[in-house]
């Protein structure tokens, strides 16, 4: 029943966003085609600019994390996922923005998406989660410099309507899937609306 309602939400929402996403998959294929698992369909319809990824596209295992940069468990999970990709060649991890904790969460998510337009999204993502202690303005500025992002271009891109649409889209998909908190995780076809330790993730891999 949950996925039935998700499909209804997706139909309505993508009616507005389909053109923007430049998706090759049609709405009918997304809803009715059972040949592809739901989590892979999501990656097909999300624009490339909305996706932060490590690992190869052709990996046998796909892990999708919906995250918030102020989420302590997201930070803990981040290092475990990096370890997993470094240890195994058959795993890719996709990070999708789902800022729900505060207004600063939205701003930082938009920064990372704007950096993604430069091909630096993963660099800024990693730099932010590598910050020691609590996240503040000075530490964020340092992370931006460390990531190699063009700060002038970043300041322009973050104000683009495209960035707001990308964030709206990723948050809508996360909410429709039942991601009420962060992290929420797909490990292949298994969905967990909460933190999973590395060992539990490994048990779900092929």
N, C-alpha and C. Protein backbone atom coordinates (compact mmCIF):
# COMPACT_ATOMS: atom_id res chain seq x y z
N UNK A 1 0.83 -1.20 0.00
CA UNK A 1 0.00 0.00 0.00
C UNK A 1 0.87 1.26 0.00
N UNK A 2 1.97 1.20 0.76
CA UNK A 2 2.86 2.37 0.83
C UNK A 2 3.38 2.74 -0.54
N UNK A 3 3.82 1.74 -1.33
CA UNK A 3 4.38 2.03 -2.63
C UNK A 3 3.30 2.45 -3.63
N UNK A 4 2.04 2.04 -3.39
CA UNK A 4 0.95 2.52 -4.23
C UNK A 4 0.81 4.03 -4.10
N UNK A 5 0.81 4.52 -2.86
CA UNK A 5 0.70 5.96 -2.64
C UNK A 5 1.93 6.68 -3.17
N UNK A 6 3.09 6.07 -3.04
CA UNK A 6 4.31 6.67 -3.58
C UNK A 6 4.17 6.88 -5.08
N UNK A 7 3.63 5.89 -5.77
CA UNK A 7 3.48 5.99 -7.21
C UNK A 7 2.55 7.15 -7.59
N UNK A 8 1.46 7.31 -6.82
CA UNK A 8 0.54 8.41 -7.08
C UNK A 8 1.25 9.75 -6.91
N UNK A 9 2.03 9.89 -5.81
CA UNK A 9 2.79 11.12 -5.57
C UNK A 9 3.77 11.38 -6.70
N UNK A 10 4.43 10.33 -7.13
CA UNK A 10 5.45 10.48 -8.19
C UNK A 10 4.80 10.96 -9.49
N UNK A 11 3.65 10.39 -9.83
CA UNK A 11 2.96 10.80 -11.06
C UNK A 11 2.66 12.29 -11.03
N UNK A 12 2.08 12.75 -9.93
CA UNK A 12 1.70 14.16 -9.82
C UNK A 12 2.92 15.05 -9.87
N UNK A 13 3.95 14.67 -9.10
CA UNK A 13 5.12 15.54 -8.99
C UNK A 13 5.91 15.60 -10.28
N UNK A 14 6.13 14.43 -10.89
CA UNK A 14 6.93 14.43 -12.11
C UNK A 14 6.19 15.01 -13.29
N UNK A 15 4.88 15.17 -13.18
CA UNK A 15 4.15 15.89 -14.21
C UNK A 15 4.69 17.32 -14.35
N UNK A 16 5.17 17.86 -13.23
CA UNK A 16 5.75 19.21 -13.23
C UNK A 16 7.24 19.20 -13.54
N UNK A 17 7.93 18.15 -13.09
CA UNK A 17 9.39 18.15 -13.15
C UNK A 17 9.99 17.35 -14.30
N UNK A 18 9.18 16.62 -15.02
CA UNK A 18 9.75 15.69 -16.00
C UNK A 18 10.59 16.40 -17.05
N UNK A 19 10.07 17.52 -17.53
CA UNK A 19 10.82 18.25 -18.54
C UNK A 19 12.14 18.75 -18.02
N UNK A 20 12.11 19.24 -16.79
CA UNK A 20 13.31 19.76 -16.16
C UNK A 20 14.35 18.67 -15.98
N UNK A 21 13.90 17.46 -15.64
CA UNK A 21 14.83 16.37 -15.34
C UNK A 21 15.49 15.82 -16.60
N UNK A 22 14.90 16.07 -17.77
CA UNK A 22 15.43 15.52 -19.01
C UNK A 22 15.55 14.01 -18.92
N UNK A 23 14.57 13.37 -18.28
CA UNK A 23 14.63 11.93 -18.07
C UNK A 23 14.23 11.18 -19.33
N UNK A 24 14.94 10.06 -19.57
CA UNK A 24 14.61 9.23 -20.71
C UNK A 24 13.43 8.30 -20.38
N UNK A 25 13.24 7.97 -19.10
CA UNK A 25 12.16 7.10 -18.69
C UNK A 25 10.85 7.90 -18.65
N UNK A 26 9.79 7.33 -19.20
CA UNK A 26 8.50 7.99 -19.16
C UNK A 26 7.83 7.77 -17.81
N UNK A 27 6.78 8.55 -17.54
CA UNK A 27 6.03 8.38 -16.29
C UNK A 27 5.43 6.98 -16.25
N UNK A 28 4.89 6.50 -17.37
CA UNK A 28 4.27 5.18 -17.41
C UNK A 28 5.29 4.09 -17.08
N UNK A 29 6.50 4.23 -17.60
CA UNK A 29 7.54 3.24 -17.32
C UNK A 29 7.92 3.26 -15.85
N UNK A 30 7.99 4.47 -15.27
CA UNK A 30 8.36 4.57 -13.87
C UNK A 30 7.34 3.86 -12.99
N UNK A 31 6.07 4.04 -13.31
CA UNK A 31 5.01 3.51 -12.44
C UNK A 31 4.74 2.03 -12.69
N UNK A 32 4.69 1.63 -13.97
CA UNK A 32 4.18 0.30 -14.28
C UNK A 32 5.23 -0.73 -14.69
N UNK A 33 6.39 -0.30 -15.10
CA UNK A 33 7.42 -1.25 -15.53
C UNK A 33 8.05 -1.92 -14.32
N UNK A 34 7.88 -3.23 -14.21
CA UNK A 34 8.41 -3.98 -13.07
C UNK A 34 9.79 -4.59 -13.36
N UNK A 35 10.36 -4.28 -14.50
CA UNK A 35 11.63 -4.89 -14.87
C UNK A 35 12.82 -4.26 -14.15
N UNK A 36 12.61 -3.08 -13.56
CA UNK A 36 13.68 -2.38 -12.86
C UNK A 36 13.23 -2.09 -11.42
N UNK A 37 14.09 -2.36 -10.42
CA UNK A 37 13.74 -2.07 -9.03
C UNK A 37 13.51 -0.58 -8.82
N UNK A 38 12.68 -0.27 -7.82
CA UNK A 38 12.30 1.11 -7.57
C UNK A 38 13.50 2.02 -7.33
N UNK A 39 14.49 1.55 -6.56
CA UNK A 39 15.62 2.43 -6.24
C UNK A 39 16.42 2.79 -7.48
N UNK A 40 16.49 1.88 -8.45
CA UNK A 40 17.20 2.19 -9.69
C UNK A 40 16.38 3.10 -10.59
N UNK A 41 15.06 2.97 -10.52
CA UNK A 41 14.20 3.89 -11.27
C UNK A 41 14.41 5.32 -10.79
N UNK A 42 14.54 5.47 -9.48
CA UNK A 42 14.75 6.82 -8.92
C UNK A 42 16.00 7.45 -9.50
N UNK A 43 17.06 6.67 -9.63
CA UNK A 43 18.30 7.20 -10.18
C UNK A 43 18.17 7.50 -11.67
N UNK A 44 17.26 6.81 -12.34
CA UNK A 44 17.03 7.07 -13.75
C UNK A 44 16.32 8.41 -13.96
N UNK A 45 15.41 8.75 -13.05
CA UNK A 45 14.62 9.96 -13.28
C UNK A 45 15.21 11.20 -12.62
N UNK A 46 16.09 11.03 -11.63
CA UNK A 46 16.74 12.19 -11.03
C UNK A 46 17.77 12.77 -11.99
N UNK A 47 17.81 14.08 -12.13
CA UNK A 47 18.85 14.69 -12.98
C UNK A 47 20.25 14.38 -12.44
N UNK A 48 21.19 14.29 -13.34
CA UNK A 48 22.57 14.00 -12.95
C UNK A 48 23.09 14.99 -11.91
N UNK A 49 22.66 16.26 -12.03
CA UNK A 49 23.15 17.29 -11.11
C UNK A 49 22.65 17.10 -9.69
N UNK A 50 21.62 16.26 -9.50
CA UNK A 50 21.07 16.03 -8.16
C UNK A 50 21.77 14.90 -7.44
N UNK A 51 22.68 14.21 -8.14
CA UNK A 51 23.28 12.99 -7.61
C UNK A 51 24.76 13.20 -7.29
N UNK A 52 25.13 12.83 -6.06
CA UNK A 52 26.54 12.77 -5.67
C UNK A 52 26.89 11.29 -5.56
N UNK A 53 27.92 10.85 -6.24
CA UNK A 53 28.19 9.41 -6.29
C UNK A 53 29.66 9.08 -6.16
N UNK A 54 29.91 7.96 -5.48
CA UNK A 54 31.23 7.33 -5.50
C UNK A 54 31.04 5.88 -5.93
N UNK A 55 31.98 5.37 -6.70
CA UNK A 55 31.84 4.02 -7.23
C UNK A 55 31.33 4.04 -8.65
N UNK A 56 31.45 2.91 -9.32
CA UNK A 56 31.15 2.79 -10.74
C UNK A 56 29.65 2.61 -10.99
N UNK A 57 29.16 3.22 -12.06
CA UNK A 57 27.74 3.09 -12.43
C UNK A 57 27.32 1.65 -12.64
N UNK A 58 28.23 0.80 -13.06
CA UNK A 58 27.90 -0.59 -13.37
C UNK A 58 28.11 -1.53 -12.19
N UNK A 59 28.28 -0.98 -11.01
CA UNK A 59 28.48 -1.82 -9.83
C UNK A 59 27.26 -2.70 -9.58
N UNK A 60 27.52 -3.91 -9.09
CA UNK A 60 26.44 -4.86 -8.82
C UNK A 60 25.54 -4.38 -7.68
N UNK A 61 26.13 -3.68 -6.72
CA UNK A 61 25.39 -3.20 -5.55
C UNK A 61 25.27 -1.67 -5.57
N UNK A 62 24.07 -1.20 -5.27
CA UNK A 62 23.83 0.24 -5.18
C UNK A 62 23.28 0.59 -3.81
N UNK A 63 23.95 1.53 -3.15
CA UNK A 63 23.49 2.06 -1.87
C UNK A 63 23.09 3.51 -2.10
N UNK A 64 21.88 3.86 -1.68
CA UNK A 64 21.40 5.23 -1.79
C UNK A 64 21.15 5.76 -0.39
N UNK A 65 21.77 6.91 -0.08
CA UNK A 65 21.55 7.53 1.23
C UNK A 65 20.90 8.90 1.05
N UNK A 66 19.79 9.11 1.74
CA UNK A 66 19.18 10.43 1.84
C UNK A 66 19.73 11.07 3.11
N UNK A 67 20.32 12.27 2.98
CA UNK A 67 21.14 12.80 4.07
C UNK A 67 20.88 14.26 4.38
N UNK A 68 21.33 14.64 5.57
CA UNK A 68 21.32 16.03 6.04
C UNK A 68 22.71 16.28 6.63
N UNK A 69 23.33 17.41 6.27
CA UNK A 69 24.71 17.65 6.71
C UNK A 69 24.84 17.98 8.20
N UNK A 70 23.72 18.21 8.88
CA UNK A 70 23.76 18.42 10.32
C UNK A 70 23.39 17.16 11.09
N UNK A 71 23.27 16.07 10.39
CA UNK A 71 22.88 14.79 10.99
C UNK A 71 24.13 14.04 11.44
N UNK A 72 24.23 13.78 12.75
CA UNK A 72 25.40 13.09 13.29
C UNK A 72 25.54 11.67 12.76
N UNK A 73 24.42 10.97 12.60
CA UNK A 73 24.48 9.60 12.08
C UNK A 73 24.85 9.58 10.61
N UNK A 74 24.49 10.64 9.87
CA UNK A 74 24.91 10.74 8.47
C UNK A 74 26.44 10.85 8.38
N UNK A 75 27.00 11.62 9.30
CA UNK A 75 28.45 11.78 9.33
C UNK A 75 29.14 10.46 9.68
N UNK A 76 28.60 9.75 10.65
CA UNK A 76 29.15 8.45 11.03
C UNK A 76 29.06 7.47 9.87
N UNK A 77 27.89 7.45 9.22
CA UNK A 77 27.68 6.54 8.10
C UNK A 77 28.57 6.88 6.92
N UNK A 78 28.84 8.18 6.72
CA UNK A 78 29.64 8.61 5.58
C UNK A 78 30.99 7.88 5.54
N UNK A 79 31.67 7.86 6.67
CA UNK A 79 33.00 7.23 6.70
C UNK A 79 32.90 5.72 6.51
N UNK A 80 31.83 5.12 6.99
CA UNK A 80 31.64 3.69 6.81
C UNK A 80 31.37 3.35 5.34
N UNK A 81 30.62 4.22 4.66
CA UNK A 81 30.34 3.99 3.25
C UNK A 81 31.58 4.19 2.39
N UNK A 82 32.38 5.19 2.74
CA UNK A 82 33.65 5.41 2.02
C UNK A 82 34.54 4.18 2.16
N UNK A 83 34.63 3.65 3.37
CA UNK A 83 35.42 2.44 3.62
C UNK A 83 34.91 1.29 2.76
N UNK A 84 33.60 1.15 2.70
CA UNK A 84 32.99 0.04 1.95
C UNK A 84 33.31 0.12 0.47
N UNK A 85 33.22 1.31 -0.10
CA UNK A 85 33.54 1.47 -1.53
C UNK A 85 35.02 1.20 -1.78
N UNK A 86 35.88 1.61 -0.84
CA UNK A 86 37.31 1.37 -0.99
C UNK A 86 37.67 -0.11 -0.84
N UNK A 87 36.85 -0.83 -0.09
CA UNK A 87 37.12 -2.25 0.14
C UNK A 87 36.55 -3.16 -0.94
N UNK A 88 35.50 -2.71 -1.59
CA UNK A 88 34.81 -3.55 -2.56
C UNK A 88 34.63 -2.81 -3.89
N UNK A 89 34.91 -3.52 -4.98
CA UNK A 89 34.77 -2.92 -6.30
C UNK A 89 33.36 -3.06 -6.86
N UNK A 90 32.51 -3.79 -6.14
CA UNK A 90 31.16 -4.05 -6.66
C UNK A 90 30.11 -3.18 -5.98
N UNK A 91 30.52 -2.07 -5.39
CA UNK A 91 29.59 -1.21 -4.66
C UNK A 91 29.72 0.23 -5.15
N UNK A 92 28.58 0.86 -5.37
CA UNK A 92 28.55 2.31 -5.57
C UNK A 92 27.61 2.91 -4.52
N UNK A 93 27.90 4.13 -4.12
CA UNK A 93 27.07 4.83 -3.14
C UNK A 93 26.60 6.13 -3.77
N UNK A 94 25.30 6.38 -3.66
CA UNK A 94 24.70 7.60 -4.19
C UNK A 94 24.14 8.40 -3.01
N UNK A 95 24.57 9.64 -2.92
CA UNK A 95 24.12 10.53 -1.85
C UNK A 95 23.09 11.50 -2.42
N UNK A 96 21.93 11.57 -1.78
CA UNK A 96 20.85 12.44 -2.25
C UNK A 96 20.44 13.38 -1.12
N UNK A 97 20.30 14.64 -1.47
CA UNK A 97 20.00 15.67 -0.47
C UNK A 97 18.60 15.52 0.11
N UNK A 98 18.52 15.60 1.44
CA UNK A 98 17.23 15.59 2.12
C UNK A 98 17.34 16.45 3.39
N UNK A 99 17.52 17.76 3.23
CA UNK A 99 17.75 18.64 4.39
C UNK A 99 16.46 18.87 5.18
N UNK A 100 16.42 18.38 6.41
CA UNK A 100 15.19 18.47 7.19
C UNK A 100 15.41 19.01 8.60
N UNK A 101 16.66 19.20 9.01
CA UNK A 101 16.92 19.52 10.41
C UNK A 101 16.82 21.01 10.73
N UNK A 102 17.23 21.87 9.81
CA UNK A 102 17.15 23.32 10.05
C UNK A 102 17.34 24.07 8.74
N UNK A 103 17.22 25.37 8.79
CA UNK A 103 17.36 26.18 7.58
C UNK A 103 18.77 26.12 7.03
N UNK A 104 19.76 26.01 7.92
CA UNK A 104 21.16 25.90 7.46
C UNK A 104 21.36 24.62 6.66
N UNK A 105 20.61 23.57 6.99
CA UNK A 105 20.69 22.33 6.22
C UNK A 105 20.35 22.59 4.76
N UNK A 106 19.29 23.38 4.52
CA UNK A 106 18.89 23.70 3.15
C UNK A 106 19.98 24.49 2.43
N UNK A 107 20.58 25.43 3.10
CA UNK A 107 21.60 26.27 2.48
C UNK A 107 22.81 25.43 2.08
N UNK A 108 23.24 24.55 2.97
CA UNK A 108 24.42 23.73 2.68
C UNK A 108 24.12 22.72 1.57
N UNK A 109 22.93 22.15 1.58
CA UNK A 109 22.55 21.25 0.49
C UNK A 109 22.60 21.97 -0.85
N UNK A 110 22.11 23.20 -0.88
CA UNK A 110 22.15 23.98 -2.12
C UNK A 110 23.59 24.28 -2.53
N UNK A 111 24.46 24.51 -1.57
CA UNK A 111 25.88 24.73 -1.87
C UNK A 111 26.48 23.50 -2.57
N UNK A 112 26.16 22.32 -2.03
CA UNK A 112 26.72 21.09 -2.60
C UNK A 112 26.17 20.85 -3.99
N UNK A 113 24.87 21.10 -4.19
CA UNK A 113 24.30 20.96 -5.52
C UNK A 113 24.90 21.97 -6.50
N UNK A 114 25.13 23.19 -6.02
CA UNK A 114 25.76 24.20 -6.86
C UNK A 114 27.19 23.79 -7.21
N UNK A 115 27.90 23.22 -6.25
CA UNK A 115 29.26 22.71 -6.51
C UNK A 115 29.22 21.57 -7.52
N UNK A 116 28.12 20.81 -7.51
CA UNK A 116 27.98 19.70 -8.45
C UNK A 116 27.92 20.19 -9.89
N UNK A 117 27.45 21.42 -10.10
CA UNK A 117 27.43 22.00 -11.45
C UNK A 117 28.85 22.23 -11.95
N UNK A 118 29.81 22.30 -11.03
CA UNK A 118 31.22 22.44 -11.39
C UNK A 118 31.92 21.09 -11.45
N UNK A 119 31.19 20.02 -11.16
CA UNK A 119 31.82 18.70 -11.05
C UNK A 119 32.57 18.53 -9.74
N UNK A 120 32.23 19.37 -8.74
CA UNK A 120 32.92 19.36 -7.46
C UNK A 120 32.00 18.99 -6.29
N UNK A 121 30.82 18.45 -6.63
CA UNK A 121 29.87 18.13 -5.57
C UNK A 121 30.41 17.12 -4.58
N UNK A 122 31.03 16.05 -5.07
CA UNK A 122 31.54 15.01 -4.18
C UNK A 122 32.70 15.55 -3.33
N UNK A 123 33.49 16.47 -3.89
CA UNK A 123 34.61 17.05 -3.15
C UNK A 123 34.12 17.90 -1.98
N UNK A 124 33.10 18.72 -2.23
CA UNK A 124 32.56 19.54 -1.15
C UNK A 124 31.82 18.67 -0.13
N UNK A 125 31.10 17.70 -0.63
CA UNK A 125 30.40 16.74 0.25
C UNK A 125 31.37 16.08 1.22
N UNK A 126 32.47 15.57 0.69
CA UNK A 126 33.48 14.91 1.54
C UNK A 126 34.13 15.89 2.50
N UNK A 127 34.41 17.09 2.02
CA UNK A 127 35.06 18.10 2.87
C UNK A 127 34.17 18.49 4.04
N UNK A 128 32.87 18.60 3.80
CA UNK A 128 31.94 18.98 4.87
C UNK A 128 31.87 17.89 5.93
N UNK A 129 31.77 16.65 5.49
CA UNK A 129 31.69 15.55 6.46
C UNK A 129 33.03 15.26 7.13
N UNK A 130 34.10 15.83 6.61
CA UNK A 130 35.42 15.67 7.24
C UNK A 130 35.68 16.73 8.30
N UNK A 131 34.79 17.69 8.44
CA UNK A 131 34.93 18.74 9.46
C UNK A 131 34.86 18.12 10.85
N UNK A 132 35.80 18.47 11.69
CA UNK A 132 35.80 17.97 13.06
C UNK A 132 34.91 18.85 13.93
N UNK A 133 34.13 18.21 14.79
CA UNK A 133 33.26 18.95 15.68
C UNK A 133 32.03 19.49 14.96
N UNK A 134 31.39 20.46 15.57
CA UNK A 134 30.16 21.01 15.01
C UNK A 134 30.45 21.87 13.78
N UNK A 135 29.48 21.90 12.88
CA UNK A 135 29.61 22.66 11.64
C UNK A 135 29.25 24.12 11.89
N UNK A 136 30.16 25.03 11.52
CA UNK A 136 29.86 26.46 11.64
C UNK A 136 30.35 27.18 10.38
N UNK A 137 30.15 28.49 10.35
CA UNK A 137 30.45 29.27 9.14
C UNK A 137 31.93 29.21 8.77
N UNK A 138 32.82 29.38 9.74
CA UNK A 138 34.25 29.38 9.45
C UNK A 138 34.72 28.02 8.94
N UNK A 139 34.21 26.96 9.54
CA UNK A 139 34.60 25.61 9.11
C UNK A 139 34.05 25.32 7.71
N UNK A 140 32.87 25.83 7.43
CA UNK A 140 32.29 25.63 6.11
C UNK A 140 33.10 26.35 5.04
N UNK A 141 33.53 27.57 5.33
CA UNK A 141 34.37 28.31 4.39
C UNK A 141 35.67 27.56 4.11
N UNK A 142 36.24 26.97 5.15
CA UNK A 142 37.47 26.19 4.97
C UNK A 142 37.21 24.96 4.11
N UNK A 143 36.06 24.31 4.32
CA UNK A 143 35.71 23.13 3.52
C UNK A 143 35.55 23.50 2.05
N UNK A 144 34.96 24.66 1.79
CA UNK A 144 34.79 25.11 0.41
C UNK A 144 36.16 25.31 -0.26
N UNK A 145 37.08 25.92 0.46
CA UNK A 145 38.42 26.13 -0.09
C UNK A 145 39.13 24.79 -0.30
N UNK A 146 39.00 23.89 0.68
CA UNK A 146 39.65 22.58 0.60
C UNK A 146 39.15 21.78 -0.59
N UNK A 147 37.88 21.94 -0.91
CA UNK A 147 37.27 21.15 -1.99
C UNK A 147 37.69 21.61 -3.38
N UNK A 148 38.26 22.81 -3.48
CA UNK A 148 38.68 23.32 -4.78
C UNK A 148 37.56 23.92 -5.60
N UNK A 149 36.44 24.22 -4.95
CA UNK A 149 35.30 24.82 -5.64
C UNK A 149 35.62 26.28 -6.02
N UNK A 150 35.19 26.68 -7.20
CA UNK A 150 35.30 28.08 -7.62
C UNK A 150 34.25 28.87 -6.82
N UNK A 151 34.71 29.65 -5.86
CA UNK A 151 33.79 30.32 -4.93
C UNK A 151 32.92 31.38 -5.63
N UNK A 152 33.47 32.05 -6.62
CA UNK A 152 32.68 33.05 -7.33
C UNK A 152 31.53 32.39 -8.10
N UNK A 153 31.86 31.33 -8.81
CA UNK A 153 30.82 30.60 -9.56
C UNK A 153 29.80 29.99 -8.59
N UNK A 154 30.27 29.51 -7.46
CA UNK A 154 29.38 28.92 -6.46
C UNK A 154 28.36 29.95 -5.98
N UNK A 155 28.83 31.17 -5.74
CA UNK A 155 27.94 32.22 -5.24
C UNK A 155 26.86 32.58 -6.25
N UNK A 156 27.16 32.40 -7.54
CA UNK A 156 26.17 32.66 -8.59
C UNK A 156 25.22 31.48 -8.74
N UNK A 157 25.79 30.28 -8.80
CA UNK A 157 24.98 29.09 -9.07
C UNK A 157 24.00 28.78 -7.95
N UNK A 158 24.36 29.08 -6.72
CA UNK A 158 23.49 28.72 -5.59
C UNK A 158 22.16 29.47 -5.65
N UNK A 159 22.13 30.59 -6.36
CA UNK A 159 20.90 31.37 -6.48
C UNK A 159 20.04 30.99 -7.67
N UNK A 160 20.48 30.02 -8.46
CA UNK A 160 19.73 29.63 -9.65
C UNK A 160 18.47 28.86 -9.29
N UNK A 161 17.42 29.08 -10.06
CA UNK A 161 16.17 28.36 -9.86
C UNK A 161 16.40 26.85 -10.00
N UNK A 162 17.31 26.48 -10.87
CA UNK A 162 17.63 25.07 -11.08
C UNK A 162 17.99 24.37 -9.77
N UNK A 163 18.77 25.05 -8.93
CA UNK A 163 19.21 24.45 -7.66
C UNK A 163 18.02 24.22 -6.74
N UNK A 164 17.12 25.19 -6.66
CA UNK A 164 15.92 25.02 -5.84
C UNK A 164 15.07 23.86 -6.34
N UNK A 165 14.96 23.73 -7.65
CA UNK A 165 14.16 22.63 -8.22
C UNK A 165 14.80 21.28 -7.92
N UNK A 166 16.12 21.21 -8.03
CA UNK A 166 16.82 19.96 -7.73
C UNK A 166 16.58 19.54 -6.28
N UNK A 167 16.66 20.51 -5.38
CA UNK A 167 16.46 20.22 -3.97
C UNK A 167 15.02 19.84 -3.68
N UNK A 168 14.07 20.53 -4.29
CA UNK A 168 12.67 20.17 -4.13
C UNK A 168 12.40 18.74 -4.61
N UNK A 169 13.00 18.41 -5.74
CA UNK A 169 12.79 17.09 -6.32
C UNK A 169 13.35 15.99 -5.44
N UNK A 170 14.59 16.14 -4.98
CA UNK A 170 15.22 15.10 -4.16
C UNK A 170 14.49 14.95 -2.82
N UNK A 171 14.06 16.06 -2.24
CA UNK A 171 13.34 16.00 -0.96
C UNK A 171 11.98 15.35 -1.13
N UNK A 172 11.31 15.64 -2.26
CA UNK A 172 10.01 15.03 -2.51
C UNK A 172 10.14 13.52 -2.64
N UNK A 173 11.12 13.07 -3.40
CA UNK A 173 11.32 11.64 -3.59
C UNK A 173 11.63 10.98 -2.26
N UNK A 174 12.50 11.60 -1.46
CA UNK A 174 12.86 11.05 -0.16
C UNK A 174 11.62 10.91 0.73
N UNK A 175 10.83 11.97 0.78
CA UNK A 175 9.62 11.93 1.61
C UNK A 175 8.62 10.90 1.14
N UNK A 176 8.47 10.77 -0.17
CA UNK A 176 7.54 9.79 -0.73
C UNK A 176 7.94 8.36 -0.43
N UNK A 177 9.24 8.13 -0.30
CA UNK A 177 9.75 6.79 0.01
C UNK A 177 9.64 6.46 1.50
N UNK A 178 9.32 7.45 2.31
CA UNK A 178 9.21 7.19 3.75
C UNK A 178 10.42 7.64 4.54
N UNK A 179 11.27 8.49 3.93
CA UNK A 179 12.45 8.99 4.63
C UNK A 179 12.04 10.14 5.54
N UNK A 180 11.51 9.81 6.69
CA UNK A 180 11.06 10.83 7.64
C UNK A 180 12.23 11.44 8.41
N UNK A 181 13.33 10.73 8.46
CA UNK A 181 14.53 11.23 9.13
C UNK A 181 15.75 10.93 8.30
N UNK A 182 16.91 11.28 8.80
CA UNK A 182 18.16 10.99 8.11
C UNK A 182 19.13 10.32 9.10
N UNK A 183 19.98 9.43 8.58
CA UNK A 183 19.98 8.94 7.20
C UNK A 183 18.83 7.96 6.96
N UNK A 184 18.36 7.91 5.74
CA UNK A 184 17.49 6.83 5.27
C UNK A 184 18.19 6.19 4.09
N UNK A 185 18.14 4.87 4.02
CA UNK A 185 19.06 4.16 3.13
C UNK A 185 18.38 3.06 2.33
N UNK A 186 18.69 3.02 1.04
CA UNK A 186 18.46 1.84 0.23
C UNK A 186 19.77 1.07 0.15
N UNK A 187 19.73 -0.22 0.44
CA UNK A 187 20.84 -1.12 0.11
C UNK A 187 20.26 -2.09 -0.91
N UNK A 188 20.57 -1.83 -2.16
CA UNK A 188 19.87 -2.50 -3.25
C UNK A 188 18.37 -2.28 -3.06
N UNK A 189 17.57 -3.33 -2.97
CA UNK A 189 16.12 -3.15 -2.89
C UNK A 189 15.60 -3.02 -1.45
N UNK A 190 16.49 -3.15 -0.47
CA UNK A 190 16.07 -3.07 0.93
C UNK A 190 16.15 -1.62 1.41
N UNK A 191 15.04 -1.13 1.96
CA UNK A 191 14.97 0.24 2.44
C UNK A 191 14.96 0.28 3.95
N UNK A 192 15.78 1.16 4.53
CA UNK A 192 15.81 1.35 5.98
C UNK A 192 15.61 2.83 6.29
N UNK A 193 14.53 3.19 7.00
CA UNK A 193 14.31 4.60 7.36
C UNK A 193 15.11 4.99 8.60
N UNK A 194 16.40 4.74 8.57
CA UNK A 194 17.25 5.04 9.71
C UNK A 194 18.66 4.51 9.48
N UNK A 195 19.53 4.80 10.43
CA UNK A 195 20.94 4.40 10.33
C UNK A 195 21.10 2.89 10.32
N UNK A 196 21.98 2.39 9.44
CA UNK A 196 22.39 1.00 9.43
C UNK A 196 23.90 0.95 9.60
N UNK A 197 24.42 0.17 10.56
CA UNK A 197 25.87 0.04 10.68
C UNK A 197 26.46 -0.71 9.49
N UNK A 198 27.73 -0.53 9.29
CA UNK A 198 28.41 -1.10 8.13
C UNK A 198 28.20 -2.60 8.01
N UNK A 199 28.30 -3.33 9.11
CA UNK A 199 28.15 -4.78 9.06
C UNK A 199 26.76 -5.19 8.59
N UNK A 200 25.74 -4.44 9.01
CA UNK A 200 24.39 -4.75 8.56
C UNK A 200 24.22 -4.47 7.08
N UNK A 201 24.88 -3.42 6.58
CA UNK A 201 24.83 -3.10 5.16
C UNK A 201 25.48 -4.22 4.35
N UNK A 202 26.62 -4.69 4.82
CA UNK A 202 27.34 -5.75 4.11
C UNK A 202 26.48 -6.99 3.96
N UNK A 203 25.69 -7.31 4.99
CA UNK A 203 24.82 -8.49 4.94
C UNK A 203 23.76 -8.38 3.85
N UNK A 204 23.44 -7.17 3.43
CA UNK A 204 22.41 -6.95 2.41
C UNK A 204 22.98 -6.87 1.00
N UNK A 205 24.31 -6.89 0.88
CA UNK A 205 24.94 -6.82 -0.43
C UNK A 205 24.88 -8.17 -1.12
N UNK A 206 24.96 -8.14 -2.44
CA UNK A 206 24.93 -9.38 -3.24
C UNK A 206 26.29 -10.05 -3.20
